[in-house]
Amino acid sequence: MKKWPLFTSVLQLVVGIAAIIAYVYLVSVGESTGKWTITLFLAVGYVVLGIIGIIDYNKSKID
């Protein structure tokens, strides 16, 4: 399947956004954010890697 890189990038993007939403929810209900901060950083990293992967896939498809 030639679209595996696109699929994994979209999956990273979805998982990252879901983790960020979960973090915002935990903050809104008053949960301590100290132990969840690393999760937020990892989620942002997933979103960035997902976006980079999608852009890279689209660039390689054009070339």
N, C-alpha and C. Protein backbone atom coordinates (compact mmCIF):
# COMPACT_ATOMS: atom_id res chain seq x y z
N MET A 1 0.85 -1.18 0.00
CA MET A 1 0.00 0.00 0.00
C MET A 1 0.90 1.24 0.00
N LYS A 2 0.74 2.06 -1.00
CA LYS A 2 1.61 3.21 -1.16
C LYS A 2 1.21 4.38 -0.27
N LYS A 3 0.07 4.30 0.36
CA LYS A 3 -0.41 5.43 1.17
C LYS A 3 -0.15 5.23 2.67
N TRP A 4 0.68 4.27 3.04
CA TRP A 4 0.97 4.05 4.46
C TRP A 4 1.56 5.29 5.13
N PRO A 5 2.50 5.99 4.50
CA PRO A 5 3.03 7.20 5.16
C PRO A 5 1.95 8.24 5.42
N LEU A 6 1.03 8.39 4.48
CA LEU A 6 -0.07 9.35 4.68
C LEU A 6 -0.98 8.88 5.80
N PHE A 7 -1.29 7.59 5.83
CA PHE A 7 -2.15 7.04 6.87
C PHE A 7 -1.54 7.22 8.25
N THR A 8 -0.26 6.93 8.38
CA THR A 8 0.38 7.06 9.70
C THR A 8 0.48 8.53 10.13
N SER A 9 0.70 9.42 9.17
CA SER A 9 0.77 10.84 9.51
C SER A 9 -0.58 11.36 9.97
N VAL A 10 -1.64 10.95 9.29
CA VAL A 10 -2.99 11.37 9.71
C VAL A 10 -3.32 10.78 11.07
N LEU A 11 -2.92 9.54 11.31
CA LEU A 11 -3.15 8.91 12.61
C LEU A 11 -2.41 9.66 13.71
N GLN A 12 -1.17 10.05 13.46
CA GLN A 12 -0.41 10.84 14.44
C GLN A 12 -1.11 12.16 14.73
N LEU A 13 -1.62 12.79 13.69
CA LEU A 13 -2.31 14.06 13.85
C LEU A 13 -3.57 13.89 14.69
N VAL A 14 -4.34 12.85 14.43
CA VAL A 14 -5.58 12.61 15.17
C VAL A 14 -5.28 12.28 16.63
N VAL A 15 -4.31 11.42 16.87
CA VAL A 15 -3.95 11.05 18.25
C VAL A 15 -3.43 12.26 19.01
N GLY A 16 -2.60 13.06 18.37
CA GLY A 16 -2.08 14.26 19.02
C GLY A 16 -3.17 15.25 19.37
N ILE A 17 -4.09 15.49 18.46
CA ILE A 17 -5.19 16.41 18.73
C ILE A 17 -6.09 15.87 19.84
N ALA A 18 -6.34 14.56 19.83
CA ALA A 18 -7.16 13.96 20.89
C ALA A 18 -6.48 14.11 22.25
N ALA A 19 -5.17 13.94 22.30
CA ALA A 19 -4.45 14.10 23.57
C ALA A 19 -4.46 15.54 24.05
N ILE A 20 -4.37 16.49 23.13
CA ILE A 20 -4.44 17.90 23.51
C ILE A 20 -5.82 18.24 24.04
N ILE A 21 -6.86 17.72 23.40
CA ILE A 21 -8.23 17.94 23.88
C ILE A 21 -8.42 17.34 25.26
N ALA A 22 -7.87 16.14 25.47
CA ALA A 22 -7.97 15.50 26.78
C ALA A 22 -7.24 16.31 27.84
N TYR A 23 -6.09 16.87 27.49
CA TYR A 23 -5.33 17.71 28.43
C TYR A 23 -6.14 18.95 28.80
N VAL A 24 -6.73 19.60 27.80
CA VAL A 24 -7.54 20.79 28.07
C VAL A 24 -8.73 20.43 28.95
N TYR A 25 -9.32 19.27 28.72
CA TYR A 25 -10.44 18.83 29.56
C TYR A 25 -9.98 18.62 31.01
N LEU A 26 -8.84 17.97 31.19
CA LEU A 26 -8.33 17.74 32.54
C LEU A 26 -8.04 19.05 33.26
N VAL A 27 -7.51 20.01 32.53
CA VAL A 27 -7.24 21.32 33.12
C VAL A 27 -8.55 22.00 33.51
N SER A 28 -9.57 21.86 32.67
CA SER A 28 -10.84 22.54 32.94
C SER A 28 -11.59 21.95 34.13
N VAL A 29 -11.37 20.68 34.44
CA VAL A 29 -12.04 20.08 35.60
C VAL A 29 -11.21 20.20 36.87
N GLY A 30 -10.04 20.81 36.77
CA GLY A 30 -9.24 21.08 37.96
C GLY A 30 -8.20 20.04 38.30
N GLU A 31 -7.90 19.16 37.38
CA GLU A 31 -6.87 18.13 37.61
C GLU A 31 -5.50 18.80 37.69
N SER A 32 -4.63 18.25 38.50
CA SER A 32 -3.26 18.75 38.60
C SER A 32 -2.55 18.54 37.27
N THR A 33 -1.96 19.58 36.74
CA THR A 33 -1.35 19.48 35.41
C THR A 33 0.11 19.06 35.44
N GLY A 34 0.71 18.99 36.61
CA GLY A 34 2.13 18.66 36.69
C GLY A 34 2.48 17.33 36.06
N LYS A 35 1.71 16.31 36.35
CA LYS A 35 2.03 14.99 35.82
C LYS A 35 1.57 14.80 34.37
N TRP A 36 0.77 15.72 33.85
CA TRP A 36 0.27 15.61 32.49
C TRP A 36 1.00 16.52 31.50
N THR A 37 1.93 17.31 31.98
CA THR A 37 2.62 18.26 31.11
C THR A 37 3.44 17.55 30.03
N ILE A 38 4.12 16.46 30.39
CA ILE A 38 4.90 15.72 29.40
C ILE A 38 3.98 15.16 28.32
N THR A 39 2.77 14.77 28.70
CA THR A 39 1.81 14.28 27.72
C THR A 39 1.45 15.37 26.72
N LEU A 40 1.31 16.60 27.22
CA LEU A 40 1.01 17.72 26.32
C LEU A 40 2.15 17.93 25.34
N PHE A 41 3.39 17.89 25.81
CA PHE A 41 4.54 18.07 24.92
C PHE A 41 4.61 16.96 23.87
N LEU A 42 4.35 15.73 24.28
CA LEU A 42 4.35 14.62 23.33
C LEU A 42 3.22 14.77 22.31
N ALA A 43 2.06 15.24 22.77
CA ALA A 43 0.93 15.44 21.87
C ALA A 43 1.24 16.51 20.83
N VAL A 44 1.86 17.59 21.27
CA VAL A 44 2.24 18.65 20.33
C VAL A 44 3.26 18.10 19.32
N GLY A 45 4.17 17.29 19.80
CA GLY A 45 5.14 16.66 18.90
C GLY A 45 4.47 15.76 17.88
N TYR A 46 3.48 14.99 18.31
CA TYR A 46 2.73 14.14 17.39
C TYR A 46 2.03 14.97 16.32
N VAL A 47 1.43 16.08 16.73
CA VAL A 47 0.73 16.94 15.77
C VAL A 47 1.73 17.51 14.76
N VAL A 48 2.86 17.98 15.25
CA VAL A 48 3.87 18.55 14.35
C VAL A 48 4.39 17.48 13.39
N LEU A 49 4.70 16.29 13.90
CA LEU A 49 5.19 15.22 13.03
C LEU A 49 4.13 14.79 12.02
N GLY A 50 2.88 14.77 12.44
CA GLY A 50 1.80 14.43 11.52
C GLY A 50 1.68 15.43 10.40
N ILE A 51 1.75 16.71 10.73
CA ILE A 51 1.66 17.76 9.71
C ILE A 51 2.86 17.68 8.76
N ILE A 52 4.05 17.49 9.32
CA ILE A 52 5.24 17.37 8.47
C ILE A 52 5.13 16.16 7.55
N GLY A 53 4.63 15.05 8.07
CA GLY A 53 4.47 13.86 7.25
C GLY A 53 3.47 14.05 6.12
N ILE A 54 2.37 14.74 6.40
CA ILE A 54 1.37 15.00 5.36
C ILE A 54 1.95 15.91 4.28
N ILE A 55 2.65 16.95 4.71
CA ILE A 55 3.27 17.87 3.74
C ILE A 55 4.32 17.13 2.91
N ASP A 56 5.13 16.29 3.55
CA ASP A 56 6.15 15.54 2.84
C ASP A 56 5.52 14.57 1.84
N TYR A 57 4.43 13.92 2.24
CA TYR A 57 3.75 13.00 1.33
C TYR A 57 3.22 13.75 0.11
N ASN A 58 2.62 14.91 0.34
CA ASN A 58 2.08 15.69 -0.78
C ASN A 58 3.19 16.20 -1.69
N LYS A 59 4.34 16.57 -1.12
CA LYS A 59 5.47 17.02 -1.94
C LYS A 59 6.02 15.88 -2.78
N SER A 60 6.14 14.70 -2.20
CA SER A 60 6.68 13.56 -2.94
C SER A 60 5.71 13.09 -4.02
N LYS A 61 4.44 13.32 -3.80
CA LYS A 61 3.44 12.95 -4.80
C LYS A 61 3.50 13.89 -6.00
N ILE A 62 3.85 15.15 -5.76
CA ILE A 62 3.93 16.14 -6.83
C ILE A 62 5.17 15.90 -7.69
N ASP A 63 6.29 15.55 -7.05
CA ASP A 63 7.56 15.37 -7.78
C ASP A 63 7.53 14.20 -8.70
